[in-house]
């Protein structure tokens, strides 16, 4: 998909998520914290000195929550579509599971228990065949 087909927020969130996930950015952020801590004696560890780091980290954290959630939502939706495509093309696949993420918790738990029983039967069969 070309960049022109995506919204500004999508492009921004992808860019920021990619950029923020780099090791160099972590090192830069950690370095800023070290510099801030080292500047404490210069500023006498006063309230303004503390307010600078508290306010800046709070603002960055607040904004990053939305960026990360946007990226996570997009990635989850894309993965779900890919899984749905695979399920729909497999012979014998249970196509009623295609919209599993839209079911209520009770129904999801019931299906999970069905798969748990299937897995236990498969393990028991494997143990029997191994002996």
N, C-alpha and C. Protein backbone atom coordinates (compact mmCIF):
# COMPACT_ATOMS: atom_id res chain seq x y z
N UNK A 1 0.85 -1.18 0.00
CA UNK A 1 0.00 0.00 0.00
C UNK A 1 0.89 1.23 0.00
N UNK A 2 0.56 2.16 -0.83
CA UNK A 2 1.38 3.37 -0.89
C UNK A 2 1.08 4.25 0.32
N UNK A 3 2.03 5.10 0.66
CA UNK A 3 1.86 5.96 1.83
C UNK A 3 0.69 6.91 1.67
N UNK A 4 0.36 7.29 0.45
CA UNK A 4 -0.74 8.22 0.22
C UNK A 4 -2.10 7.64 0.58
N UNK A 5 -2.22 6.32 0.63
CA UNK A 5 -3.50 5.68 0.93
C UNK A 5 -3.76 5.56 2.43
N UNK A 6 -2.78 5.89 3.25
CA UNK A 6 -2.93 5.78 4.70
C UNK A 6 -3.16 7.17 5.30
N UNK A 7 -3.90 7.20 6.39
CA UNK A 7 -4.17 8.48 7.05
C UNK A 7 -2.89 9.04 7.65
N UNK A 8 -2.92 10.32 7.93
CA UNK A 8 -1.77 10.96 8.55
C UNK A 8 -1.43 10.30 9.88
N UNK A 9 -2.46 10.01 10.69
CA UNK A 9 -2.22 9.39 12.00
C UNK A 9 -1.61 8.01 11.85
N UNK A 10 -2.06 7.24 10.87
CA UNK A 10 -1.48 5.91 10.63
C UNK A 10 -0.02 6.02 10.27
N UNK A 11 0.30 6.93 9.34
CA UNK A 11 1.70 7.12 8.96
C UNK A 11 2.54 7.60 10.14
N UNK A 12 1.99 8.54 10.91
CA UNK A 12 2.69 9.06 12.07
C UNK A 12 2.93 7.97 13.11
N UNK A 13 1.90 7.20 13.42
CA UNK A 13 2.05 6.17 14.45
C UNK A 13 3.02 5.08 14.01
N UNK A 14 3.01 4.72 12.72
CA UNK A 14 3.97 3.73 12.24
C UNK A 14 5.40 4.27 12.33
N UNK A 15 5.58 5.52 11.94
CA UNK A 15 6.91 6.13 12.00
C UNK A 15 7.41 6.20 13.44
N UNK A 16 6.57 6.72 14.35
CA UNK A 16 6.99 6.88 15.74
C UNK A 16 7.24 5.53 16.39
N UNK A 17 6.38 4.55 16.12
CA UNK A 17 6.58 3.21 16.69
C UNK A 17 7.88 2.60 16.21
N UNK A 18 8.15 2.74 14.93
CA UNK A 18 9.40 2.20 14.37
C UNK A 18 10.60 2.93 14.97
N UNK A 19 10.52 4.23 15.03
CA UNK A 19 11.61 5.07 15.54
C UNK A 19 11.85 4.80 17.03
N UNK A 20 10.78 4.76 17.83
CA UNK A 20 10.89 4.60 19.28
C UNK A 20 11.41 3.21 19.66
N UNK A 21 11.25 2.24 18.79
CA UNK A 21 11.69 0.88 19.10
C UNK A 21 13.15 0.61 18.83
N UNK A 22 13.88 1.59 18.40
CA UNK A 22 15.30 1.39 18.08
C UNK A 22 16.15 1.45 19.35
N UNK A 23 17.18 0.61 19.41
CA UNK A 23 18.06 0.63 20.59
C UNK A 23 18.72 1.99 20.81
N UNK A 24 19.02 2.70 19.75
CA UNK A 24 19.66 4.00 19.88
C UNK A 24 18.76 4.99 20.62
N UNK A 25 17.47 4.87 20.42
CA UNK A 25 16.53 5.76 21.10
C UNK A 25 16.50 5.45 22.58
N UNK A 26 16.55 4.17 22.93
CA UNK A 26 16.61 3.80 24.34
C UNK A 26 17.87 4.38 24.98
N UNK A 27 19.01 4.24 24.30
CA UNK A 27 20.27 4.77 24.82
C UNK A 27 20.18 6.28 24.97
N UNK A 28 19.59 6.96 24.01
CA UNK A 28 19.44 8.41 24.09
C UNK A 28 18.56 8.80 25.28
N UNK A 29 17.45 8.08 25.47
CA UNK A 29 16.55 8.38 26.59
C UNK A 29 17.24 8.12 27.92
N UNK A 30 17.95 7.00 28.02
CA UNK A 30 18.68 6.71 29.26
C UNK A 30 19.75 7.76 29.51
N UNK A 31 20.41 8.22 28.45
CA UNK A 31 21.43 9.26 28.59
C UNK A 31 20.83 10.57 29.10
N UNK A 32 19.65 10.90 28.60
CA UNK A 32 18.97 12.12 29.08
C UNK A 32 18.66 12.01 30.56
N UNK A 33 18.25 10.85 31.00
CA UNK A 33 17.96 10.65 32.43
C UNK A 33 19.23 10.82 33.26
N UNK A 34 20.33 10.25 32.77
CA UNK A 34 21.61 10.37 33.47
C UNK A 34 22.03 11.84 33.52
N UNK A 35 21.90 12.56 32.40
CA UNK A 35 22.25 13.99 32.39
C UNK A 35 21.37 14.78 33.34
N UNK A 36 20.08 14.46 33.33
CA UNK A 36 19.16 15.14 34.24
C UNK A 36 19.57 14.88 35.69
N UNK A 37 19.86 13.63 36.04
CA UNK A 37 20.26 13.30 37.41
C UNK A 37 21.56 13.99 37.78
N UNK A 38 22.49 14.02 36.84
CA UNK A 38 23.78 14.66 37.10
C UNK A 38 23.64 16.17 37.27
N UNK A 39 22.61 16.75 36.67
CA UNK A 39 22.41 18.20 36.80
C UNK A 39 21.73 18.58 38.11
N UNK A 40 21.31 17.59 38.86
CA UNK A 40 20.64 17.86 40.14
C UNK A 40 21.43 18.77 41.07
N UNK A 41 22.71 18.48 41.30
CA UNK A 41 23.48 19.36 42.20
C UNK A 41 23.58 20.80 41.68
N UNK A 42 23.66 20.94 40.36
CA UNK A 42 23.76 22.28 39.78
C UNK A 42 22.50 23.10 40.11
N UNK A 43 21.35 22.45 40.04
CA UNK A 43 20.07 23.13 40.29
C UNK A 43 19.61 22.97 41.74
N UNK A 44 20.44 22.36 42.56
CA UNK A 44 20.10 22.21 43.97
C UNK A 44 18.95 21.25 44.22
N UNK A 45 18.74 20.34 43.30
CA UNK A 45 17.65 19.36 43.43
C UNK A 45 16.33 20.05 43.76
N UNK A 46 16.09 21.21 43.17
CA UNK A 46 14.90 21.98 43.50
C UNK A 46 13.65 21.42 42.81
N UNK A 47 12.52 22.02 43.14
CA UNK A 47 11.23 21.54 42.61
C UNK A 47 11.15 21.68 41.09
N UNK A 48 11.68 22.75 40.56
CA UNK A 48 11.66 22.95 39.10
C UNK A 48 12.47 21.87 38.41
N UNK A 49 13.62 21.52 38.97
CA UNK A 49 14.46 20.46 38.40
C UNK A 49 13.68 19.16 38.34
N UNK A 50 12.95 18.82 39.39
CA UNK A 50 12.13 17.60 39.42
C UNK A 50 10.95 17.70 38.46
N UNK A 51 10.36 18.88 38.41
CA UNK A 51 9.18 19.09 37.57
C UNK A 51 9.51 18.89 36.08
N UNK A 52 10.71 19.27 35.68
CA UNK A 52 11.11 19.12 34.27
C UNK A 52 11.03 17.66 33.85
N UNK A 53 11.62 16.76 34.62
CA UNK A 53 11.63 15.35 34.24
C UNK A 53 10.25 14.73 34.42
N UNK A 54 9.56 15.08 35.50
CA UNK A 54 8.23 14.51 35.73
C UNK A 54 7.25 14.90 34.62
N UNK A 55 7.23 16.16 34.27
CA UNK A 55 6.30 16.64 33.24
C UNK A 55 6.64 16.05 31.87
N UNK A 56 7.92 16.09 31.50
CA UNK A 56 8.29 15.60 30.17
C UNK A 56 8.04 14.10 30.03
N UNK A 57 8.37 13.32 31.04
CA UNK A 57 8.14 11.87 30.92
C UNK A 57 6.64 11.54 30.95
N UNK A 58 5.88 12.30 31.71
CA UNK A 58 4.43 12.07 31.73
C UNK A 58 3.81 12.36 30.37
N UNK A 59 4.18 13.46 29.76
CA UNK A 59 3.63 13.82 28.45
C UNK A 59 4.03 12.78 27.40
N UNK A 60 5.30 12.42 27.39
CA UNK A 60 5.77 11.42 26.40
C UNK A 60 5.04 10.10 26.61
N UNK A 61 4.92 9.66 27.85
CA UNK A 61 4.23 8.40 28.14
C UNK A 61 2.77 8.46 27.70
N UNK A 62 2.09 9.55 28.02
CA UNK A 62 0.69 9.72 27.65
C UNK A 62 0.50 9.61 26.14
N UNK A 63 1.33 10.30 25.38
CA UNK A 63 1.20 10.27 23.92
C UNK A 63 1.59 8.90 23.34
N UNK A 64 2.62 8.29 23.92
CA UNK A 64 3.07 6.98 23.40
C UNK A 64 2.01 5.90 23.59
N UNK A 65 1.19 6.01 24.62
CA UNK A 65 0.12 5.03 24.82
C UNK A 65 -0.78 4.97 23.58
N UNK A 66 -1.13 6.11 23.04
CA UNK A 66 -2.02 6.16 21.88
C UNK A 66 -1.31 5.67 20.62
N UNK A 67 -0.05 6.03 20.48
CA UNK A 67 0.73 5.57 19.32
C UNK A 67 0.88 4.06 19.36
N UNK A 68 1.25 3.52 20.50
CA UNK A 68 1.45 2.08 20.63
C UNK A 68 0.13 1.34 20.43
N UNK A 69 -0.95 1.85 21.01
CA UNK A 69 -2.24 1.18 20.85
C UNK A 69 -2.70 1.18 19.40
N UNK A 70 -2.46 2.27 18.70
CA UNK A 70 -2.81 2.33 17.28
C UNK A 70 -2.03 1.28 16.49
N UNK A 71 -0.74 1.21 16.73
CA UNK A 71 0.08 0.21 16.04
C UNK A 71 -0.35 -1.20 16.39
N UNK A 72 -0.64 -1.44 17.66
CA UNK A 72 -1.08 -2.77 18.10
C UNK A 72 -2.41 -3.14 17.46
N UNK A 73 -3.34 -2.22 17.41
CA UNK A 73 -4.65 -2.50 16.79
C UNK A 73 -4.48 -2.85 15.32
N UNK A 74 -3.66 -2.09 14.62
CA UNK A 74 -3.44 -2.33 13.20
C UNK A 74 -2.76 -3.67 12.97
N UNK A 75 -1.73 -3.97 13.76
CA UNK A 75 -1.02 -5.23 13.61
C UNK A 75 -1.91 -6.43 13.94
N UNK A 76 -2.72 -6.29 14.98
CA UNK A 76 -3.63 -7.36 15.36
C UNK A 76 -4.68 -7.60 14.27
N UNK A 77 -5.22 -6.54 13.72
CA UNK A 77 -6.22 -6.68 12.65
C UNK A 77 -5.61 -7.34 11.42
N UNK A 78 -4.40 -6.94 11.06
CA UNK A 78 -3.73 -7.53 9.89
C UNK A 78 -3.46 -9.01 10.13
N UNK A 79 -2.98 -9.35 11.32
CA UNK A 79 -2.71 -10.75 11.63
C UNK A 79 -4.00 -11.57 11.62
N UNK A 80 -5.07 -10.99 12.14
CA UNK A 80 -6.35 -11.70 12.17
C UNK A 80 -6.85 -11.99 10.75
N UNK A 81 -6.69 -11.03 9.87
CA UNK A 81 -7.10 -11.22 8.47
C UNK A 81 -6.28 -12.33 7.83
N UNK A 82 -4.98 -12.34 8.09
CA UNK A 82 -4.11 -13.39 7.53
C UNK A 82 -4.50 -14.76 8.07
N UNK A 83 -4.78 -14.85 9.38
CA UNK A 83 -5.20 -16.12 9.95
C UNK A 83 -6.54 -16.57 9.39
N UNK A 84 -7.46 -15.62 9.24
CA UNK A 84 -8.76 -15.95 8.65
C UNK A 84 -8.60 -16.49 7.23
N UNK A 85 -7.70 -15.90 6.47
CA UNK A 85 -7.44 -16.38 5.11
C UNK A 85 -6.92 -17.81 5.14
N UNK A 86 -6.00 -18.10 6.04
CA UNK A 86 -5.46 -19.46 6.14
C UNK A 86 -6.54 -20.46 6.55
N UNK A 87 -7.35 -20.09 7.55
CA UNK A 87 -8.42 -20.98 8.00
C UNK A 87 -9.41 -21.24 6.87
N UNK A 88 -9.75 -20.20 6.13
CA UNK A 88 -10.75 -20.36 5.07
C UNK A 88 -10.25 -21.24 3.93
N UNK A 89 -8.95 -21.38 3.77
CA UNK A 89 -8.39 -22.17 2.66
C UNK A 89 -8.03 -23.60 3.06
N UNK A 90 -8.00 -23.89 4.35
CA UNK A 90 -7.63 -25.24 4.80
C UNK A 90 -8.82 -26.18 4.75
N UNK A 91 -8.65 -27.33 4.14
CA UNK A 91 -9.69 -28.35 4.15
C UNK A 91 -9.83 -28.89 5.56
N UNK A 92 -11.05 -29.00 6.02
CA UNK A 92 -11.31 -29.54 7.35
C UNK A 92 -11.21 -28.52 8.47
N UNK A 93 -10.83 -27.31 8.16
CA UNK A 93 -10.73 -26.28 9.20
C UNK A 93 -12.13 -25.89 9.66
N UNK A 94 -12.24 -25.54 10.91
CA UNK A 94 -13.53 -25.13 11.47
C UNK A 94 -13.75 -23.65 11.15
N UNK A 95 -14.48 -23.40 10.07
CA UNK A 95 -14.67 -22.03 9.61
C UNK A 95 -15.48 -21.19 10.59
N UNK A 96 -16.19 -21.83 11.52
CA UNK A 96 -16.92 -21.04 12.52
C UNK A 96 -15.97 -20.30 13.46
N UNK A 97 -14.68 -20.64 13.40
CA UNK A 97 -13.69 -19.95 14.22
C UNK A 97 -13.17 -18.67 13.56
N UNK A 98 -13.61 -18.37 12.35
CA UNK A 98 -13.10 -17.20 11.64
C UNK A 98 -13.33 -15.89 12.40
N UNK A 99 -14.44 -15.78 13.09
CA UNK A 99 -14.71 -14.52 13.82
C UNK A 99 -14.62 -14.73 15.33
N UNK A 100 -13.74 -15.61 15.73
CA UNK A 100 -13.59 -15.95 17.14
C UNK A 100 -13.38 -14.73 18.03
N UNK A 101 -12.64 -13.75 17.56
CA UNK A 101 -12.35 -12.57 18.37
C UNK A 101 -13.61 -11.75 18.68
N UNK A 102 -14.70 -12.01 17.95
CA UNK A 102 -15.94 -11.26 18.18
C UNK A 102 -16.89 -11.96 19.14
N UNK A 103 -16.55 -13.18 19.57
CA UNK A 103 -17.42 -13.93 20.48
C UNK A 103 -17.25 -13.43 21.90
N UNK A 104 -18.28 -13.73 22.74
CA UNK A 104 -18.15 -13.34 24.14
C UNK A 104 -17.20 -14.28 24.87
N UNK A 105 -16.79 -13.87 26.06
CA UNK A 105 -15.78 -14.62 26.82
C UNK A 105 -16.22 -16.05 27.12
N UNK A 106 -17.50 -16.24 27.43
CA UNK A 106 -18.00 -17.58 27.75
C UNK A 106 -17.84 -18.54 26.59
N UNK A 107 -18.20 -18.08 25.40
CA UNK A 107 -18.09 -18.94 24.20
C UNK A 107 -16.62 -19.21 23.87
N UNK A 108 -15.78 -18.21 24.00
CA UNK A 108 -14.35 -18.40 23.74
C UNK A 108 -13.78 -19.43 24.72
N UNK A 109 -14.16 -19.33 25.98
CA UNK A 109 -13.67 -20.28 26.99
C UNK A 109 -14.13 -21.70 26.67
N UNK A 110 -15.36 -21.86 26.22
CA UNK A 110 -15.87 -23.19 25.87
C UNK A 110 -15.06 -23.78 24.71
N UNK A 111 -14.77 -22.98 23.71
CA UNK A 111 -13.97 -23.46 22.57
C UNK A 111 -12.55 -23.77 23.02
N UNK A 112 -11.98 -22.94 23.90
CA UNK A 112 -10.64 -23.20 24.43
C UNK A 112 -10.60 -24.53 25.16
N UNK A 113 -11.65 -24.82 25.94
CA UNK A 113 -11.72 -26.10 26.65
C UNK A 113 -11.83 -27.27 25.69
N UNK A 114 -12.55 -27.09 24.58
CA UNK A 114 -12.63 -28.14 23.56
C UNK A 114 -11.24 -28.45 23.00
N UNK A 115 -10.48 -27.40 22.70
CA UNK A 115 -9.13 -27.60 22.17
C UNK A 115 -8.20 -28.21 23.23
N UNK A 116 -8.42 -27.83 24.49
CA UNK A 116 -7.63 -28.41 25.57
C UNK A 116 -7.87 -29.91 25.66
N UNK A 117 -9.14 -30.32 25.55
CA UNK A 117 -9.47 -31.76 25.57
C UNK A 117 -8.86 -32.47 24.37
N UNK A 118 -8.92 -31.84 23.20
CA UNK A 118 -8.33 -32.42 21.99
C UNK A 118 -6.83 -32.60 22.17
N UNK A 119 -6.18 -31.60 22.74
CA UNK A 119 -4.73 -31.68 22.97
C UNK A 119 -4.40 -32.79 23.96
N UNK A 120 -5.19 -32.92 25.01
CA UNK A 120 -4.95 -33.98 26.00
C UNK A 120 -5.12 -35.36 25.38
N UNK A 121 -6.15 -35.51 24.53
CA UNK A 121 -6.33 -36.80 23.84
C UNK A 121 -5.13 -37.10 22.94
N UNK A 122 -4.63 -36.08 22.25
CA UNK A 122 -3.48 -36.27 21.37
C UNK A 122 -2.24 -36.65 22.18
N UNK A 123 -2.04 -36.01 23.35
CA UNK A 123 -0.89 -36.37 24.19
C UNK A 123 -1.02 -37.79 24.73
N UNK A 124 -2.23 -38.17 25.14
CA UNK A 124 -2.45 -39.54 25.64
C UNK A 124 -2.18 -40.55 24.54
N UNK A 125 -2.64 -40.26 23.34
CA UNK A 125 -2.40 -41.16 22.20
C UNK A 125 -0.91 -41.27 21.92
N UNK A 126 -0.20 -40.15 21.96
CA UNK A 126 1.26 -40.14 21.71
C UNK A 126 1.97 -40.96 22.79
N UNK A 127 1.54 -40.84 24.06
CA UNK A 127 2.17 -41.63 25.13
C UNK A 127 1.92 -43.13 24.91
N UNK A 128 0.69 -43.47 24.51
CA UNK A 128 0.35 -44.88 24.26
C UNK A 128 1.17 -45.45 23.13
N UNK A 129 1.30 -44.67 22.06
CA UNK A 129 2.07 -45.13 20.90
C UNK A 129 3.56 -45.23 21.21
N UNK A 130 4.05 -44.41 22.14
CA UNK A 130 5.46 -44.43 22.50
C UNK A 130 5.80 -45.65 23.35
N UNK A 131 4.81 -46.17 24.05
CA UNK A 131 5.05 -47.34 24.93
C UNK A 131 4.81 -48.61 24.21
